[in-house]
Amino acid sequence: METKIILVRHGETDWNRELRFQGSKDIQLNDNGIEQAEKLAQRLAAEEIDVIYASDLGRAYQTAKAVAKEHDLKVDKFKELQEISFGQWEGLTYNQIQEKYQAEWAMWEEDPALNGAPEGESLKDVQERSIKKLEEIISRHLGNTILIVSHGGVIKVLISTLFGIPLAKAWQLMQSNTSVNIINYYEEDKVALELFNCTKHLED
């Protein structure tokens, strides 16, 4: 029995544009992000989507609602699908973090799987909560098409876990705003990646 999982990253926010670490901060979509969500909704309008789930952070929920409107579906929100918490780094740019938190940043770069920002999460922490929730969602909707709107970090962790990529390498996977990833799930160790980081709907 094939279960189709469509994993989508939320639309753009001002903090995305400014290269600020958002993490668990509830930053809303900017005007471009709203437009991206609408284009995503049009792209997925012809898909047979059975259920829609999202992170409970506004930028993901708002993106999911744009798609849900095309399918007359509701969106169920879960905290477990939230972006990785960056603790004290949230709101800061890459340069600010590297300047103010040199030692912690070095540890993060060496092994983000086990090391997180001060008062934040490691990728292992994200893996534990997000994979558990994904497994729960799949078991509830076997044979269906499931749309999950989440965040770049979470999607990288989920794909890494499903396809045996070391967590320490997860950050090397690209995830653009409103990118679409499609995973065909047959059983626990039988999955196929049909589409990755696709943003063709944003092309003029």
Protein backbone atom coordinates (compact mmCIF):
# COMPACT_ATOMS: atom_id res chain seq x y z
CA MET A 1 0.00 0.00 0.00
CA GLU A 2 1.45 3.34 -1.07
CA THR A 3 1.09 6.44 1.05
CA LYS A 4 2.09 9.72 -0.57
CA ILE A 5 3.63 12.38 1.66
CA ILE A 6 3.93 15.90 0.29
CA LEU A 7 6.35 17.87 2.47
CA VAL A 8 6.32 21.63 1.93
CA ARG A 9 8.29 24.44 3.49
CA HIS A 10 6.38 27.61 4.40
CA GLY A 11 6.47 30.82 2.37
CA GLU A 12 8.90 33.68 2.85
CA THR A 13 9.05 35.91 5.92
CA ASP A 14 10.97 39.14 6.48
CA TRP A 15 13.39 37.21 8.70
CA ASN A 16 14.05 34.78 5.83
CA ARG A 17 14.87 37.71 3.60
CA GLU A 18 17.14 39.23 6.26
CA LEU A 19 18.85 35.85 6.87
CA ARG A 20 17.81 35.87 10.53
CA PHE A 21 17.44 32.62 12.48
CA GLN A 22 13.69 32.22 13.13
CA GLY A 23 13.44 28.89 14.91
CA SER A 24 10.47 28.77 17.27
CA LYS A 25 9.69 32.49 16.93
CA ASP A 26 6.24 32.98 15.39
CA ILE A 27 7.11 35.17 12.39
CA GLN A 28 4.34 35.68 9.85
CA LEU A 29 4.56 35.52 6.05
CA ASN A 30 5.50 38.74 4.29
CA ASP A 31 3.72 39.91 1.12
CA ASN A 32 5.99 37.81 -1.06
CA GLY A 33 5.41 34.78 1.17
CA ILE A 34 1.64 35.20 0.85
CA GLU A 35 2.02 35.32 -2.93
CA GLN A 36 4.23 32.22 -2.85
CA ALA A 37 1.59 30.38 -0.79
CA GLU A 38 -1.08 31.28 -3.35
CA LYS A 39 1.09 30.02 -6.20
CA LEU A 40 1.72 26.82 -4.23
CA ALA A 41 -2.02 26.41 -3.73
CA GLN A 42 -2.63 26.72 -7.47
CA ARG A 43 0.09 24.18 -8.19
CA LEU A 44 -1.40 21.64 -5.77
CA ALA A 45 -5.03 22.34 -6.70
CA ALA A 46 -5.14 19.32 -9.02
CA GLU A 47 -3.52 16.96 -6.48
CA GLU A 48 -5.72 14.43 -4.71
CA ILE A 49 -4.94 15.53 -1.16
CA ASP A 50 -6.78 13.73 1.64
CA VAL A 51 -5.49 15.45 4.78
CA ILE A 52 -3.42 18.52 5.63
CA TYR A 53 -1.16 19.00 8.65
CA ALA A 54 1.06 21.92 9.61
CA SER A 55 3.35 23.28 12.25
CA ASP A 56 1.45 25.48 14.69
CA LEU A 57 3.68 28.45 13.84
CA GLY A 58 1.85 31.08 11.78
CA ARG A 59 4.08 31.03 8.70
CA ALA A 60 3.50 27.29 8.17
CA TYR A 61 -0.18 27.32 9.13
CA GLN A 62 -0.87 30.27 6.83
CA THR A 63 0.84 28.50 3.93
CA ALA A 64 -1.13 25.31 4.61
CA LYS A 65 -4.44 27.20 4.77
CA ALA A 66 -3.88 28.61 1.28
CA VAL A 67 -3.69 25.04 -0.07
CA ALA A 68 -6.51 23.78 2.14
CA LYS A 69 -8.86 26.40 0.69
CA GLU A 70 -8.47 24.81 -2.77
CA HIS A 71 -9.44 21.39 -1.39
CA ASP A 72 -12.09 22.41 1.14
CA LEU A 73 -10.05 20.77 3.89
CA LYS A 74 -9.16 21.85 7.41
CA VAL A 75 -5.58 22.10 8.67
CA ASP A 76 -4.55 20.26 11.83
CA LYS A 77 -1.66 21.96 13.67
CA PHE A 78 1.00 20.24 15.74
CA LYS A 79 3.78 21.71 17.86
CA GLU A 80 5.96 18.70 17.03
CA LEU A 81 6.23 20.01 13.45
CA GLN A 82 7.69 23.34 14.60
CA GLU A 83 11.07 24.51 13.35
CA ILE A 84 14.16 23.67 15.38
CA SER A 85 14.46 25.99 18.37
CA PHE A 86 17.55 28.16 18.03
CA GLY A 87 17.31 29.48 21.57
CA GLN A 88 19.48 32.54 22.07
CA TRP A 89 20.28 32.71 18.35
CA GLU A 90 16.72 33.51 17.27
CA GLY A 91 16.43 36.93 15.66
CA LEU A 92 20.16 37.11 14.94
CA THR A 93 21.88 36.90 11.55
CA TYR A 94 24.58 34.39 10.68
CA ASN A 95 27.25 37.06 11.09
CA GLN A 96 25.93 38.17 14.49
CA ILE A 97 25.87 34.58 15.76
CA GLN A 98 29.37 33.84 14.53
CA GLU A 99 30.64 36.99 16.20
CA LYS A 100 28.84 36.66 19.54
CA TYR A 101 28.77 32.86 19.93
CA GLN A 102 32.05 31.71 18.38
CA ALA A 103 32.54 28.59 20.51
CA GLU A 104 28.90 27.47 20.29
CA TRP A 105 28.82 28.10 16.55
CA ALA A 106 31.96 26.02 16.09
CA MET A 107 30.32 23.14 17.99
CA TRP A 108 27.18 23.48 15.86
CA GLU A 109 29.19 23.36 12.65
CA GLU A 110 31.17 20.36 13.87
CA ASP A 111 28.10 18.30 14.76
CA PRO A 112 24.62 19.87 14.63
CA ALA A 113 23.12 16.45 15.31
CA LEU A 114 24.21 16.60 18.94
CA ASN A 115 24.96 20.29 19.53
CA GLY A 116 22.39 23.06 19.55
CA ALA A 117 22.26 26.78 20.17
CA PRO A 118 22.29 27.92 23.81
CA GLU A 119 18.82 27.14 25.21
CA GLY A 120 17.93 25.58 21.84
CA GLU A 121 17.61 22.15 20.26
CA SER A 122 19.98 19.83 18.46
CA LEU A 123 18.94 18.05 15.28
CA LYS A 124 18.60 14.88 17.36
CA ASP A 125 16.00 16.64 19.49
CA VAL A 126 14.10 17.68 16.37
CA GLN A 127 14.35 14.16 14.95
CA GLU A 128 12.83 12.58 18.05
CA ARG A 129 9.74 14.78 18.08
CA SER A 130 9.14 15.15 14.34
CA ILE A 131 9.65 11.52 13.28
CA LYS A 132 7.36 10.32 16.04
CA LYS A 133 4.65 12.69 14.81
CA LEU A 134 5.22 11.73 11.15
CA GLU A 135 4.90 8.03 11.98
CA GLU A 136 1.69 8.76 13.89
CA ILE A 137 0.26 10.70 10.93
CA ILE A 138 1.20 7.98 8.42
CA SER A 139 -0.31 5.21 10.54
CA ARG A 140 -3.54 7.17 10.70
CA HIS A 141 -3.73 7.72 6.92
CA LEU A 142 -2.24 4.66 5.22
CA GLY A 143 -2.94 4.68 1.49
CA ASN A 144 -3.81 8.39 1.45
CA THR A 145 -2.07 11.51 0.19
CA ILE A 146 -0.86 13.61 3.11
CA LEU A 147 0.25 17.24 2.87
CA ILE A 148 2.52 18.46 5.68
CA VAL A 149 3.61 22.10 5.77
CA SER A 150 6.56 22.62 8.07
CA HIS A 151 9.99 24.27 8.15
CA GLY A 152 13.34 23.88 6.42
CA GLY A 153 15.11 22.33 9.40
CA VAL A 154 12.35 19.85 10.16
CA ILE A 155 12.01 18.75 6.52
CA LYS A 156 15.78 18.25 6.24
CA VAL A 157 15.72 16.10 9.36
CA LEU A 158 12.73 14.04 8.19
CA ILE A 159 14.22 13.37 4.76
CA SER A 160 17.61 12.54 6.26
CA THR A 161 16.02 10.09 8.67
CA LEU A 162 13.81 8.38 6.09
CA PHE A 163 16.67 7.94 3.61
CA GLY A 164 19.52 7.08 5.98
CA ILE A 165 21.45 10.33 5.59
CA PRO A 166 23.54 11.14 8.68
CA LEU A 167 21.89 13.90 10.70
CA ALA A 168 25.14 15.86 10.75
CA LYS A 169 24.75 16.20 6.96
CA ALA A 170 21.08 17.27 7.08
CA TRP A 171 21.89 20.96 6.92
CA GLN A 172 23.45 20.42 3.49
CA LEU A 173 20.03 19.66 2.00
CA MET A 174 18.45 22.71 0.34
CA GLN A 175 14.88 23.72 1.16
CA SER A 176 13.56 26.88 -0.49
CA ASN A 177 10.41 28.72 0.55
CA THR A 178 7.28 26.77 -0.53
CA SER A 179 9.47 24.03 -1.99
CA VAL A 180 7.64 20.76 -2.66
CA ASN A 181 9.05 17.35 -1.73
CA ILE A 182 7.17 14.14 -2.51
CA ILE A 183 7.89 10.89 -0.70
CA ASN A 184 6.23 7.61 -1.60
CA TYR A 185 5.99 5.52 1.55
CA TYR A 186 5.38 1.77 1.29
CA GLU A 187 6.53 0.54 4.69
CA GLU A 188 9.08 1.55 7.31
CA ASP A 189 12.23 0.81 5.29
CA LYS A 190 10.75 1.14 1.80
CA VAL A 191 10.46 4.75 0.72
CA ALA A 192 11.10 6.56 -2.56
CA LEU A 193 11.92 10.23 -3.05
CA GLU A 194 9.87 11.30 -6.07
CA LEU A 195 10.52 15.05 -5.88
CA PHE A 196 12.93 17.26 -3.92
CA ASN A 197 13.02 21.03 -3.28
CA CYS A 198 10.88 21.83 -6.32
CA THR A 199 9.72 25.44 -6.73
CA LYS A 200 8.58 25.41 -10.36
CA HIS A 201 5.35 27.15 -9.27
CA LEU A 202 7.38 30.28 -8.45
CA GLU A 203 8.79 30.58 -11.96
CA ASP A 204 7.35 33.38 -14.08
